[in-house]
């Protein structure tokens, strides 16, 4: 691990100033905020990131609260994954979000990892994580996963890089219409989550979201809606614990009199460089009663844009199965 400076700001504005300090020019050497550190410290140990300064956010008050009221759910960026999954109001009114938090890693990691950090994780692609490989995401000229070992890589929205976004919270939060509050040198702003993540083909291929180097996520807001009560998150992983999604499905459904679909959100995880919403499948479902035929057709539509690489075509039927099961579970059929 490269040597770095450690700072302890007492306010968000102090933290922004410390993050705004001049860096050597390489994005991987810029100052970085740290909270739980479950992903950042790993990237530092394998030299994927080499920040000259770490800005500790844990001493900043007010960023570790969860509030549930008539307006919706407000989650401080420093709320731990354990706190989110165990919160009574979240489990009652936003069950899919509690399920998504519970699916992450191990209890020990959930005790430290934060909601803000989970949204800002770096890719898990092994070419990106290997110190000796200078792939496209690290400033090189090639995505080696495109023609190499790509079992875990993207089947939708890939190119020129074929990473998948590793967050489990992101698909569920996107399905629930969440927004992210951010503070940076330019001031405060609120970003809809569907505008927060960026495809490799959009903007800077080395980044996964719209945050600037001096930006800090302060809180996440999920509006109250009829969809939230019938929400669920299903995830398939190779190991029972401490593993990322090979594929996942975040679903939220509103029914007319417990029968026909009035509104629905479907967001896929583990299959694209960003949480991948499928509006065509949503549109198909509106007004229909969920039976086996409708569920199968919706799952087929959800994966219609899939373009698997050589070694990951298995993700298509796997994700279709997750979509069918998540819809059935959320709707109670």
C-alpha atoms as a PDB file:
ATOM      1  CA  UNK A   1       0.000   0.000   0.000  1.00  0.00           C
ATOM      2  CA  UNK A   2       1.300   3.435  -0.919  1.00  0.00           C
ATOM      3  CA  UNK A   3       1.876   5.911   1.946  1.00  0.00           C
ATOM      4  CA  UNK A   4      -0.909   8.464   2.413  1.00  0.00           C
ATOM      5  CA  UNK A   5      -1.988  11.354   4.633  1.00  0.00           C
ATOM      6  CA  UNK A   6      -4.899  10.796   7.050  1.00  0.00           C
ATOM      7  CA  UNK A   7      -7.259  13.685   7.863  1.00  0.00           C
ATOM      8  CA  UNK A   8     -10.248  13.989  10.213  1.00  0.00           C
ATOM      9  CA  UNK A   9     -12.652  16.764   9.192  1.00  0.00           C
ATOM     10  CA  UNK A  10     -15.444  17.713  11.595  1.00  0.00           C
ATOM     11  CA  UNK A  11     -17.878  18.988   8.950  1.00  0.00           C
ATOM     12  CA  UNK A  12     -18.874  18.177   5.389  1.00  0.00           C
ATOM     13  CA  UNK A  13     -17.441  21.484   4.146  1.00  0.00           C
ATOM     14  CA  UNK A  14     -14.079  20.733   5.781  1.00  0.00           C
ATOM     15  CA  UNK A  15     -14.067  17.329   4.129  1.00  0.00           C
ATOM     16  CA  UNK A  16     -14.789  18.871   0.721  1.00  0.00           C
ATOM     17  CA  UNK A  17     -11.851  21.273   1.125  1.00  0.00           C
ATOM     18  CA  UNK A  18      -9.538  18.389   2.032  1.00  0.00           C
ATOM     19  CA  UNK A  19     -10.686  16.424  -0.993  1.00  0.00           C
ATOM     20  CA  UNK A  20     -10.187  19.473  -3.205  1.00  0.00           C
ATOM     21  CA  UNK A  21      -6.443  19.549  -2.493  1.00  0.00           C
ATOM     22  CA  UNK A  22      -4.092  19.363  -5.498  1.00  0.00           C
ATOM     23  CA  UNK A  23      -3.195  15.821  -6.527  1.00  0.00           C
ATOM     24  CA  UNK A  24      -0.428  14.482  -8.812  1.00  0.00           C
ATOM     25  CA  UNK A  25      -2.842  14.425 -11.756  1.00  0.00           C
ATOM     26  CA  UNK A  26      -3.649  10.722 -11.945  1.00  0.00           C
ATOM     27  CA  UNK A  27      -7.269  10.086 -10.955  1.00  0.00           C
ATOM     28  CA  UNK A  28      -6.159   7.050  -8.950  1.00  0.00           C
ATOM     29  CA  UNK A  29      -3.881   9.246  -6.807  1.00  0.00           C
ATOM     30  CA  UNK A  30      -6.464  11.901  -5.941  1.00  0.00           C
ATOM     31  CA  UNK A  31      -7.567  12.291  -2.287  1.00  0.00           C
ATOM     32  CA  UNK A  32     -10.440   9.972  -1.404  1.00  0.00           C
ATOM     33  CA  UNK A  33     -13.137   9.963   1.272  1.00  0.00           C
ATOM     34  CA  UNK A  34     -13.225   6.942   3.569  1.00  0.00           C
ATOM     35  CA  UNK A  35     -15.964   5.656   5.876  1.00  0.00           C
ATOM     36  CA  UNK A  36     -16.197   1.868   6.297  1.00  0.00           C
ATOM     37  CA  UNK A  37     -13.324   1.390   3.871  1.00  0.00           C
ATOM     38  CA  UNK A  38     -14.371  -2.134   2.902  1.00  0.00           C
ATOM     39  CA  UNK A  39     -13.789  -1.555  -0.805  1.00  0.00           C
ATOM     40  CA  UNK A  40     -11.346   1.366  -0.789  1.00  0.00           C
ATOM     41  CA  UNK A  41      -8.765  -0.304   1.426  1.00  0.00           C
ATOM     42  CA  UNK A  42      -8.865  -3.394  -0.779  1.00  0.00           C
ATOM     43  CA  UNK A  43      -8.145  -1.365  -3.902  1.00  0.00           C
ATOM     44  CA  UNK A  44      -5.309   0.407  -2.071  1.00  0.00           C
ATOM     45  CA  UNK A  45      -3.736  -2.882  -1.029  1.00  0.00           C
ATOM     46  CA  UNK A  46      -3.619  -4.109  -4.617  1.00  0.00           C
ATOM     47  CA  UNK A  47      -2.577  -0.640  -5.910  1.00  0.00           C
ATOM     48  CA  UNK A  48      -5.694  -0.232  -8.038  1.00  0.00           C
ATOM     49  CA  UNK A  49      -6.039   3.107  -6.244  1.00  0.00           C
ATOM     50  CA  UNK A  50      -3.169   5.079  -4.726  1.00  0.00           C
ATOM     51  CA  UNK A  51      -4.692   8.134  -2.991  1.00  0.00           C
ATOM     52  CA  UNK A  52      -2.278  10.653  -1.551  1.00  0.00           C
ATOM     53  CA  UNK A  53      -4.786  11.536   1.181  1.00  0.00           C
ATOM     54  CA  UNK A  54      -7.677   9.816   2.920  1.00  0.00           C
ATOM     55  CA  UNK A  55     -10.425  12.020   4.333  1.00  0.00           C
ATOM     56  CA  UNK A  56     -12.152  10.253   7.213  1.00  0.00           C
ATOM     57  CA  UNK A  57     -15.904  10.985   7.243  1.00  0.00           C
ATOM     58  CA  UNK A  58     -16.764   9.128  10.446  1.00  0.00           C
ATOM     59  CA  UNK A  59     -16.352  12.152  12.736  1.00  0.00           C
ATOM     60  CA  UNK A  60     -18.928  14.209  10.836  1.00  0.00           C
ATOM     61  CA  UNK A  61     -22.199  14.307  12.820  1.00  0.00           C
ATOM     62  CA  UNK A  62     -25.634  13.756  11.312  1.00  0.00           C
ATOM     63  CA  UNK A  63     -24.665  11.428   8.459  1.00  0.00           C
ATOM     64  CA  UNK A  64     -25.553   8.162  10.212  1.00  0.00           C
ATOM     65  CA  UNK A  65     -29.296   8.579  10.704  1.00  0.00           C
ATOM     66  CA  UNK A  66     -32.295   6.778   9.232  1.00  0.00           C
ATOM     67  CA  UNK A  67     -35.615   8.626   9.130  1.00  0.00           C
ATOM     68  CA  UNK A  68     -38.931   7.163   7.973  1.00  0.00           C
ATOM     69  CA  UNK A  69     -41.961   9.446   7.694  1.00  0.00           C
ATOM     70  CA  UNK A  70     -44.894  10.245   5.404  1.00  0.00           C
ATOM     71  CA  UNK A  71     -42.558  11.761   2.795  1.00  0.00           C
ATOM     72  CA  UNK A  72     -40.372   8.713   2.550  1.00  0.00           C
ATOM     73  CA  UNK A  73     -37.095   7.235   3.755  1.00  0.00           C
ATOM     74  CA  UNK A  74     -33.927   9.278   4.362  1.00  0.00           C
ATOM     75  CA  UNK A  75     -30.679   7.343   4.804  1.00  0.00           C
ATOM     76  CA  UNK A  76     -27.474   9.040   5.887  1.00  0.00           C
ATOM     77  CA  UNK A  77     -24.468   8.045   3.805  1.00  0.00           C
ATOM     78  CA  UNK A  78     -22.663   6.741   6.906  1.00  0.00           C
ATOM     79  CA  UNK A  79     -25.481   4.396   7.915  1.00  0.00           C
ATOM     80  CA  UNK A  80     -24.052   0.886   8.016  1.00  0.00           C
ATOM     81  CA  UNK A  81     -25.524  -1.941   5.986  1.00  0.00           C
ATOM     82  CA  UNK A  82     -26.439  -3.733   9.210  1.00  0.00           C
ATOM     83  CA  UNK A  83     -28.295  -0.682  10.501  1.00  0.00           C
ATOM     84  CA  UNK A  84     -30.231  -0.475   7.237  1.00  0.00           C
ATOM     85  CA  UNK A  85     -31.211  -4.144   7.093  1.00  0.00           C
ATOM     86  CA  UNK A  86     -32.267  -4.228  10.771  1.00  0.00           C
ATOM     87  CA  UNK A  87     -34.235  -0.961  10.879  1.00  0.00           C
ATOM     88  CA  UNK A  88     -37.872  -1.742  11.703  1.00  0.00           C
ATOM     89  CA  UNK A  89     -39.278   1.014   9.487  1.00  0.00           C
ATOM     90  CA  UNK A  90     -37.222  -0.125   6.502  1.00  0.00           C
ATOM     91  CA  UNK A  91     -38.229  -3.761   6.933  1.00  0.00           C
ATOM     92  CA  UNK A  92     -41.902  -2.816   7.191  1.00  0.00           C
ATOM     93  CA  UNK A  93     -42.243  -0.199   4.435  1.00  0.00           C
ATOM     94  CA  UNK A  94     -39.265  -0.939   2.146  1.00  0.00           C
ATOM     95  CA  UNK A  95     -38.746  -4.708   2.441  1.00  0.00           C
ATOM     96  CA  UNK A  96     -36.794  -5.046  -0.796  1.00  0.00           C
ATOM     97  CA  UNK A  97     -34.184  -2.614   0.477  1.00  0.00           C
ATOM     98  CA  UNK A  98     -33.741  -4.547   3.723  1.00  0.00           C
ATOM     99  CA  UNK A  99     -33.338  -7.733   1.661  1.00  0.00           C
ATOM    100  CA  UNK A 100     -30.746  -6.095  -0.574  1.00  0.00           C
ATOM    101  CA  UNK A 101     -28.732  -4.929   2.434  1.00  0.00           C
ATOM    102  CA  UNK A 102     -28.902  -8.390   4.015  1.00  0.00           C
ATOM    103  CA  UNK A 103     -27.601 -10.019   0.813  1.00  0.00           C
ATOM    104  CA  UNK A 104     -24.286  -8.155   0.968  1.00  0.00           C
ATOM    105  CA  UNK A 105     -21.133  -9.997   2.025  1.00  0.00           C
ATOM    106  CA  UNK A 106     -20.891 -11.138   5.684  1.00  0.00           C
ATOM    107  CA  UNK A 107     -22.188  -9.742   8.995  1.00  0.00           C
ATOM    108  CA  UNK A 108     -18.714  -8.462   9.820  1.00  0.00           C
ATOM    109  CA  UNK A 109     -18.504  -6.489   6.589  1.00  0.00           C
ATOM    110  CA  UNK A 110     -22.081  -5.227   6.910  1.00  0.00           C
ATOM    111  CA  UNK A 111     -21.227  -3.950  10.386  1.00  0.00           C
ATOM    112  CA  UNK A 112     -18.581  -1.664   8.852  1.00  0.00           C
ATOM    113  CA  UNK A 113     -19.660  -1.037   5.271  1.00  0.00           C
ATOM    114  CA  UNK A 114     -21.804   2.033   4.643  1.00  0.00           C
ATOM    115  CA  UNK A 115     -24.690   2.810   2.317  1.00  0.00           C
ATOM    116  CA  UNK A 116     -22.732   5.580   0.564  1.00  0.00           C
ATOM    117  CA  UNK A 117     -19.735   3.317   0.127  1.00  0.00           C
ATOM    118  CA  UNK A 118     -21.834   0.524  -1.315  1.00  0.00           C
ATOM    119  CA  UNK A 119     -23.088   2.827  -4.065  1.00  0.00           C
ATOM    120  CA  UNK A 120     -19.540   3.938  -4.897  1.00  0.00           C
ATOM    121  CA  UNK A 121     -17.795   0.557  -5.089  1.00  0.00           C
ATOM    122  CA  UNK A 122     -15.263   0.016  -7.842  1.00  0.00           C
ATOM    123  CA  UNK A 123     -15.634  -2.846 -10.357  1.00  0.00           C
ATOM    124  CA  UNK A 124     -14.790  -6.416  -9.333  1.00  0.00           C
ATOM    125  CA  UNK A 125     -13.413  -7.475 -12.740  1.00  0.00           C
ATOM    126  CA  UNK A 126     -10.211  -9.405 -12.091  1.00  0.00           C
ATOM    127  CA  UNK A 127      -8.325  -7.599 -14.852  1.00  0.00           C
ATOM    128  CA  UNK A 128      -9.131  -4.295 -13.141  1.00  0.00           C
ATOM    129  CA  UNK A 129      -8.156  -5.653  -9.727  1.00  0.00           C
ATOM    130  CA  UNK A 130      -4.818  -7.160 -10.797  1.00  0.00           C
ATOM    131  CA  UNK A 131      -1.985  -4.708 -10.124  1.00  0.00           C
ATOM    132  CA  UNK A 132       0.100  -5.837 -13.095  1.00  0.00           C
ATOM    133  CA  UNK A 133      -2.707  -5.469 -15.669  1.00  0.00           C
ATOM    134  CA  UNK A 134      -3.166  -2.010 -17.201  1.00  0.00           C
ATOM    135  CA  UNK A 135      -6.692  -2.401 -18.520  1.00  0.00           C
ATOM    136  CA  UNK A 136      -8.972   0.222 -20.041  1.00  0.00           C
ATOM    137  CA  UNK A 137     -10.445   1.137 -16.648  1.00  0.00           C
ATOM    138  CA  UNK A 138      -6.957   1.935 -15.357  1.00  0.00           C
ATOM    139  CA  UNK A 139      -5.872   4.075 -18.289  1.00  0.00           C
ATOM    140  CA  UNK A 140      -4.805   1.348 -20.670  1.00  0.00           C
ATOM    141  CA  UNK A 141      -5.994   0.816 -24.225  1.00  0.00           C
ATOM    142  CA  UNK A 142      -7.903  -2.469 -23.969  1.00  0.00           C
ATOM    143  CA  UNK A 143     -10.656  -4.195 -22.007  1.00  0.00           C
ATOM    144  CA  UNK A 144      -9.144  -7.660 -21.657  1.00  0.00           C
ATOM    145  CA  UNK A 145     -12.441  -9.121 -20.510  1.00  0.00           C
ATOM    146  CA  UNK A 146     -13.954  -8.500 -23.960  1.00  0.00           C
ATOM    147  CA  UNK A 147     -12.067 -11.477 -25.391  1.00  0.00           C
ATOM    148  CA  UNK A 148     -10.574 -13.038 -22.259  1.00  0.00           C
ATOM    149  CA  UNK A 149     -11.968 -14.435 -19.021  1.00  0.00           C
ATOM    150  CA  UNK A 150     -15.435 -12.896 -18.978  1.00  0.00           C
ATOM    151  CA  UNK A 151     -17.606 -15.311 -16.988  1.00  0.00           C
ATOM    152  CA  UNK A 152     -18.558 -12.536 -14.557  1.00  0.00           C
ATOM    153  CA  UNK A 153     -18.760  -9.600 -16.962  1.00  0.00           C
ATOM    154  CA  UNK A 154     -21.532  -7.621 -18.626  1.00  0.00           C
ATOM    155  CA  UNK A 155     -24.117  -9.024 -21.013  1.00  0.00           C
ATOM    156  CA  UNK A 156     -26.019  -5.734 -21.395  1.00  0.00           C
ATOM    157  CA  UNK A 157     -24.714  -2.205 -21.961  1.00  0.00           C
ATOM    158  CA  UNK A 158     -21.069  -3.256 -22.205  1.00  0.00           C
ATOM    159  CA  UNK A 159     -18.381  -1.616 -24.305  1.00  0.00           C
ATOM    160  CA  UNK A 160     -15.753  -0.402 -24.504  1.00  0.00           C
ATOM    161  CA  UNK A 161     -15.414  -1.766 -20.951  1.00  0.00           C
ATOM    162  CA  UNK A 162     -17.410  -4.812 -19.845  1.00  0.00           C
ATOM    163  CA  UNK A 163     -17.497  -4.331 -16.074  1.00  0.00           C
ATOM    164  CA  UNK A 164     -20.617  -4.990 -14.025  1.00  0.00           C
ATOM    165  CA  UNK A 165     -21.620  -2.686 -11.196  1.00  0.00           C
ATOM    166  CA  UNK A 166     -21.127  -4.553  -7.897  1.00  0.00           C
ATOM    167  CA  UNK A 167     -23.650  -2.748  -5.667  1.00  0.00           C
ATOM    168  CA  UNK A 168     -26.651  -4.667  -4.329  1.00  0.00           C
ATOM    169  CA  UNK A 169     -28.328  -1.577  -2.900  1.00  0.00           C
ATOM    170  CA  UNK A 170     -28.197   0.342  -6.178  1.00  0.00           C
ATOM    171  CA  UNK A 171     -30.689  -1.770  -8.192  1.00  0.00           C
ATOM    172  CA  UNK A 172     -33.246  -1.725  -5.365  1.00  0.00           C
ATOM    173  CA  UNK A 173     -32.811   1.990  -4.678  1.00  0.00           C
ATOM    174  CA  UNK A 174     -33.194   2.717  -8.390  1.00  0.00           C
ATOM    175  CA  UNK A 175     -36.373   0.638  -8.521  1.00  0.00           C
ATOM    176  CA  UNK A 176     -37.722   2.718  -5.626  1.00  0.00           C
ATOM    177  CA  UNK A 177     -36.968   6.056  -7.327  1.00  0.00           C
ATOM    178  CA  UNK A 178     -34.189   7.156  -4.957  1.00  0.00           C
ATOM    179  CA  UNK A 179     -32.183  10.368  -5.156  1.00  0.00           C
ATOM    180  CA  UNK A 180     -28.699  11.113  -3.837  1.00  0.00           C
ATOM    181  CA  UNK A 181     -27.719  14.334  -2.051  1.00  0.00           C
ATOM    182  CA  UNK A 182     -24.168  15.409  -2.820  1.00  0.00           C
ATOM    183  CA  UNK A 183     -21.991  18.227  -1.490  1.00  0.00           C
ATOM    184  CA  UNK A 184     -18.894  19.426  -3.327  1.00  0.00           C
ATOM    185  CA  UNK A 185     -16.820  22.518  -3.992  1.00  0.00           C
ATOM    186  CA  UNK A 186     -19.602  23.822  -6.252  1.00  0.00           C
ATOM    187  CA  UNK A 187     -22.197  23.454  -3.497  1.00  0.00           C
ATOM    188  CA  UNK A 188     -25.056  21.045  -2.831  1.00  0.00           C
ATOM    189  CA  UNK A 189     -27.104  19.205  -5.410  1.00  0.00           C
ATOM    190  CA  UNK A 190     -29.595  16.356  -5.605  1.00  0.00           C
ATOM    191  CA  UNK A 191     -29.064  13.675  -8.249  1.00  0.00           C
ATOM    192  CA  UNK A 192     -31.720  11.138  -9.291  1.00  0.00           C
ATOM    193  CA  UNK A 193     -30.133   7.712  -8.980  1.00  0.00           C
ATOM    194  CA  UNK A 194     -30.892   6.947 -12.625  1.00  0.00           C
ATOM    195  CA  UNK A 195     -28.586   9.871 -13.499  1.00  0.00           C
ATOM    196  CA  UNK A 196     -25.893   8.992 -10.952  1.00  0.00           C
ATOM    197  CA  UNK A 197     -24.213   6.002 -12.624  1.00  0.00           C
ATOM    198  CA  UNK A 198     -22.476   6.253 -16.006  1.00  0.00           C
ATOM    199  CA  UNK A 199     -21.865   3.687 -18.722  1.00  0.00           C
ATOM    200  CA  UNK A 200     -18.284   3.164 -19.962  1.00  0.00           C
ATOM    201  CA  UNK A 201     -19.437   4.560 -23.310  1.00  0.00           C
ATOM    202  CA  UNK A 202     -20.515   7.802 -21.614  1.00  0.00           C
ATOM    203  CA  UNK A 203     -17.950  10.339 -20.489  1.00  0.00           C
ATOM    204  CA  UNK A 204     -14.842   9.134 -18.667  1.00  0.00           C
ATOM    205  CA  UNK A 205     -14.421   5.368 -19.021  1.00  0.00           C
ATOM    206  CA  UNK A 206     -12.364   5.338 -15.817  1.00  0.00           C
ATOM    207  CA  UNK A 207     -15.309   6.438 -13.674  1.00  0.00           C
ATOM    208  CA  UNK A 208     -18.543   4.685 -12.753  1.00  0.00           C
ATOM    209  CA  UNK A 209     -20.595   7.679 -11.609  1.00  0.00           C
ATOM    210  CA  UNK A 210     -20.947  11.448 -11.960  1.00  0.00           C
ATOM    211  CA  UNK A 211     -19.174  12.344  -8.704  1.00  0.00           C
ATOM    212  CA  UNK A 212     -16.254  14.767  -8.891  1.00  0.00           C
ATOM    213  CA  UNK A 213     -13.118  14.218  -6.821  1.00  0.00           C
ATOM    214  CA  UNK A 214     -14.309  16.662  -4.150  1.00  0.00           C
ATOM    215  CA  UNK A 215     -17.910  15.417  -3.981  1.00  0.00           C
ATOM    216  CA  UNK A 216     -19.323  13.653  -0.931  1.00  0.00           C
ATOM    217  CA  UNK A 217     -22.612  11.761  -0.751  1.00  0.00           C
ATOM    218  CA  UNK A 218     -24.408  12.994   2.377  1.00  0.00           C
ATOM    219  CA  UNK A 219     -27.737  11.146   2.196  1.00  0.00           C
ATOM    220  CA  UNK A 220     -30.064   9.052   0.070  1.00  0.00           C
ATOM    221  CA  UNK A 221     -33.790   9.744  -0.134  1.00  0.00           C
ATOM    222  CA  UNK A 222     -36.425   7.198  -1.150  1.00  0.00           C
ATOM    223  CA  UNK A 223     -39.879   8.708  -1.727  1.00  0.00           C
ATOM    224  CA  UNK A 224     -42.902   7.037  -0.177  1.00  0.00           C
ATOM    225  CA  UNK A 225     -44.896   5.160  -2.798  1.00  0.00           C
ATOM    226  CA  UNK A 226     -47.303   2.218  -3.135  1.00  0.00           C
ATOM    227  CA  UNK A 227     -44.522   0.371  -4.971  1.00  0.00           C
ATOM    228  CA  UNK A 228     -42.244   0.213  -1.922  1.00  0.00           C
ATOM    229  CA  UNK A 229     -44.501  -2.084   0.130  1.00  0.00           C
ATOM    230  CA  UNK A 230     -44.378  -4.792  -2.550  1.00  0.00           C
ATOM    231  CA  UNK A 231     -40.656  -4.740  -3.227  1.00  0.00           C
ATOM    232  CA  UNK A 232     -38.117  -7.543  -3.209  1.00  0.00           C
ATOM    233  CA  UNK A 233     -34.523  -8.266  -4.151  1.00  0.00           C
ATOM    234  CA  UNK A 234     -33.337 -11.638  -5.426  1.00  0.00           C
ATOM    235  CA  UNK A 235     -29.670 -12.389  -6.011  1.00  0.00           C
ATOM    236  CA  UNK A 236     -27.800 -15.394  -7.358  1.00  0.00           C
ATOM    237  CA  UNK A 237     -24.210 -15.922  -6.246  1.00  0.00           C
ATOM    238  CA  UNK A 238     -21.758 -18.797  -6.445  1.00  0.00           C
ATOM    239  CA  UNK A 239     -21.102 -18.933  -2.693  1.00  0.00           C
ATOM    240  CA  UNK A 240     -23.576 -18.724   0.154  1.00  0.00           C
ATOM    241  CA  UNK A 241     -21.679 -15.856   1.794  1.00  0.00           C
ATOM    242  CA  UNK A 242     -19.225 -13.095   0.932  1.00  0.00           C
ATOM    243  CA  UNK A 243     -19.986 -13.062  -2.764  1.00  0.00           C
ATOM    244  CA  UNK A 244     -21.167 -10.646  -5.404  1.00  0.00           C
ATOM    245  CA  UNK A 245     -24.151 -11.167  -7.663  1.00  0.00           C
ATOM    246  CA  UNK A 246     -23.740 -13.173 -10.826  1.00  0.00           C
ATOM    247  CA  UNK A 247     -27.158 -11.686 -11.508  1.00  0.00           C
ATOM    248  CA  UNK A 248     -29.875 -10.042  -9.443  1.00  0.00           C
ATOM    249  CA  UNK A 249     -33.338  -8.589  -9.832  1.00  0.00           C
ATOM    250  CA  UNK A 250     -34.863  -5.711  -7.878  1.00  0.00           C
ATOM    251  CA  UNK A 251     -38.629  -5.530  -8.300  1.00  0.00           C
ATOM    252  CA  UNK A 252     -41.363  -3.271  -6.926  1.00  0.00           C
ATOM    253  CA  UNK A 253     -45.022  -3.799  -7.853  1.00  0.00           C
ATOM    254  CA  UNK A 254     -48.313  -2.004  -7.281  1.00  0.00           C
ATOM    255  CA  UNK A 255     -51.439  -4.064  -7.918  1.00  0.00           C
ATOM    256  CA  UNK A 256     -55.043  -3.093  -8.633  1.00  0.00           C
ATOM    257  CA  UNK A 257     -57.100  -4.835  -5.956  1.00  0.00           C
ATOM    258  CA  UNK A 258     -54.347  -7.460  -5.535  1.00  0.00           C
ATOM    259  CA  UNK A 259     -54.842  -8.600  -9.101  1.00  0.00           C
ATOM    260  CA  UNK A 260     -53.711  -6.688 -12.179  1.00  0.00           C
ATOM    261  CA  UNK A 261     -50.451  -4.749 -12.264  1.00  0.00           C
ATOM    262  CA  UNK A 262     -50.998  -1.017 -11.913  1.00  0.00           C
ATOM    263  CA  UNK A 263     -47.305  -0.014 -11.798  1.00  0.00           C
ATOM    264  CA  UNK A 264     -44.015  -1.888 -11.674  1.00  0.00           C
ATOM    265  CA  UNK A 265     -40.261  -1.320 -11.614  1.00  0.00           C
ATOM    266  CA  UNK A 266     -37.675  -3.917 -12.639  1.00  0.00           C
ATOM    267  CA  UNK A 267     -33.944  -3.266 -12.279  1.00  0.00           C
ATOM    268  CA  UNK A 268     -31.258  -5.846 -13.029  1.00  0.00           C
ATOM    269  CA  UNK A 269     -27.961  -6.139 -11.187  1.00  0.00           C
ATOM    270  CA  UNK A 270     -24.750  -8.028 -11.953  1.00  0.00           C
ATOM    271  CA  UNK A 271     -25.323  -7.965 -15.711  1.00  0.00           C
ATOM    272  CA  UNK A 272     -24.423  -4.422 -16.824  1.00  0.00           C
ATOM    273  CA  UNK A 273     -21.948  -1.637 -15.999  1.00  0.00           C
ATOM    274  CA  UNK A 274     -24.801   0.207 -14.249  1.00  0.00           C
ATOM    275  CA  UNK A 275     -27.978  -0.968 -12.499  1.00  0.00           C
ATOM    276  CA  UNK A 276     -30.103  -1.778 -15.535  1.00  0.00           C
ATOM    277  CA  UNK A 277     -33.759  -0.827 -15.594  1.00  0.00           C
ATOM    278  CA  UNK A 278     -35.977  -2.550 -18.166  1.00  0.00           C
ATOM    279  CA  UNK A 279     -38.882  -0.198 -19.055  1.00  0.00           C
ATOM    280  CA  UNK A 280     -40.057  -2.387 -21.945  1.00  0.00           C
ATOM    281  CA  UNK A 281     -40.818  -5.249 -19.567  1.00  0.00           C
ATOM    282  CA  UNK A 282     -42.468  -2.832 -17.138  1.00  0.00           C
ATOM    283  CA  UNK A 283     -44.720  -1.457 -19.875  1.00  0.00           C
ATOM    284  CA  UNK A 284     -45.680  -4.972 -20.952  1.00  0.00           C
ATOM    285  CA  UNK A 285     -46.796  -5.883 -17.424  1.00  0.00           C
ATOM    286  CA  UNK A 286     -49.086  -2.905 -16.750  1.00  0.00           C
ATOM    287  CA  UNK A 287     -52.725  -4.004 -16.742  1.00  0.00           C
ATOM    288  CA  UNK A 288     -51.914  -7.720 -16.751  1.00  0.00           C
ATOM    289  CA  UNK A 289     -52.573 -10.389 -14.143  1.00  0.00           C
ATOM    290  CA  UNK A 290     -49.367 -12.198 -13.261  1.00  0.00           C
ATOM    291  CA  UNK A 291     -49.573 -15.835 -14.317  1.00  0.00           C
ATOM    292  CA  UNK A 292     -46.836 -18.148 -15.545  1.00  0.00           C
ATOM    293  CA  UNK A 293     -47.229 -17.075 -19.182  1.00  0.00           C
ATOM    294  CA  UNK A 294     -47.080 -13.353 -18.381  1.00  0.00           C
ATOM    295  CA  UNK A 295     -44.098 -13.810 -16.055  1.00  0.00           C
ATOM    296  CA  UNK A 296     -42.164 -15.769 -18.683  1.00  0.00           C
ATOM    297  CA  UNK A 297     -42.837 -13.168 -21.376  1.00  0.00           C
ATOM    298  CA  UNK A 298     -41.838 -10.305 -19.063  1.00  0.00           C
ATOM    299  CA  UNK A 299     -38.569 -12.057 -18.239  1.00  0.00           C
ATOM    300  CA  UNK A 300     -37.901 -12.625 -21.920  1.00  0.00           C
ATOM    301  CA  UNK A 301     -38.486  -8.945 -22.710  1.00  0.00           C
ATOM    302  CA  UNK A 302     -36.251  -7.891 -19.801  1.00  0.00           C
ATOM    303  CA  UNK A 303     -33.271  -9.673 -21.368  1.00  0.00           C
ATOM    304  CA  UNK A 304     -34.076  -8.840 -24.993  1.00  0.00           C
ATOM    305  CA  UNK A 305     -31.060  -6.528 -25.295  1.00  0.00           C
ATOM    306  CA  UNK A 306     -28.560  -9.029 -23.898  1.00  0.00           C
ATOM    307  CA  UNK A 307     -25.406  -9.573 -25.940  1.00  0.00           C
ATOM    308  CA  UNK A 308     -23.382 -12.153 -24.024  1.00  0.00           C
ATOM    309  CA  UNK A 309     -19.643 -12.511 -24.321  1.00  0.00           C
ATOM    310  CA  UNK A 310     -18.008 -15.866 -25.039  1.00  0.00           C
ATOM    311  CA  UNK A 311     -18.229 -17.241 -21.488  1.00  0.00           C
ATOM    312  CA  UNK A 312     -21.234 -15.597 -19.855  1.00  0.00           C
ATOM    313  CA  UNK A 313     -24.300 -16.548 -21.915  1.00  0.00           C
ATOM    314  CA  UNK A 314     -25.519 -18.481 -18.845  1.00  0.00           C
ATOM    315  CA  UNK A 315     -26.472 -15.106 -17.332  1.00  0.00           C
ATOM    316  CA  UNK A 316     -29.414 -14.736 -19.739  1.00  0.00           C
ATOM    317  CA  UNK A 317     -31.563 -17.670 -18.510  1.00  0.00           C
ATOM    318  CA  UNK A 318     -30.301 -17.120 -14.951  1.00  0.00           C
ATOM    319  CA  UNK A 319     -31.478 -13.500 -14.924  1.00  0.00           C
ATOM    320  CA  UNK A 320     -34.762 -14.392 -16.594  1.00  0.00           C
ATOM    321  CA  UNK A 321     -35.434 -16.855 -13.793  1.00  0.00           C
ATOM    322  CA  UNK A 322     -34.666 -14.208 -11.164  1.00  0.00           C
ATOM    323  CA  UNK A 323     -37.033 -11.745 -12.848  1.00  0.00           C
ATOM    324  CA  UNK A 324     -39.867 -14.288 -12.891  1.00  0.00           C
ATOM    325  CA  UNK A 325     -39.326 -15.272  -9.272  1.00  0.00           C
ATOM    326  CA  UNK A 326     -38.940 -11.688  -8.035  1.00  0.00           C
ATOM    327  CA  UNK A 327     -42.138 -10.573  -9.773  1.00  0.00           C
ATOM    328  CA  UNK A 328     -44.063 -13.518  -8.359  1.00  0.00           C
ATOM    329  CA  UNK A 329     -42.691 -12.936  -4.861  1.00  0.00           C
ATOM    330  CA  UNK A 330     -43.361  -9.194  -4.865  1.00  0.00           C
ATOM    331  CA  UNK A 331     -46.902  -9.689  -6.139  1.00  0.00           C
ATOM    332  CA  UNK A 332     -47.586 -12.617  -3.808  1.00  0.00           C
ATOM    333  CA  UNK A 333     -48.528 -15.037  -6.575  1.00  0.00           C
END
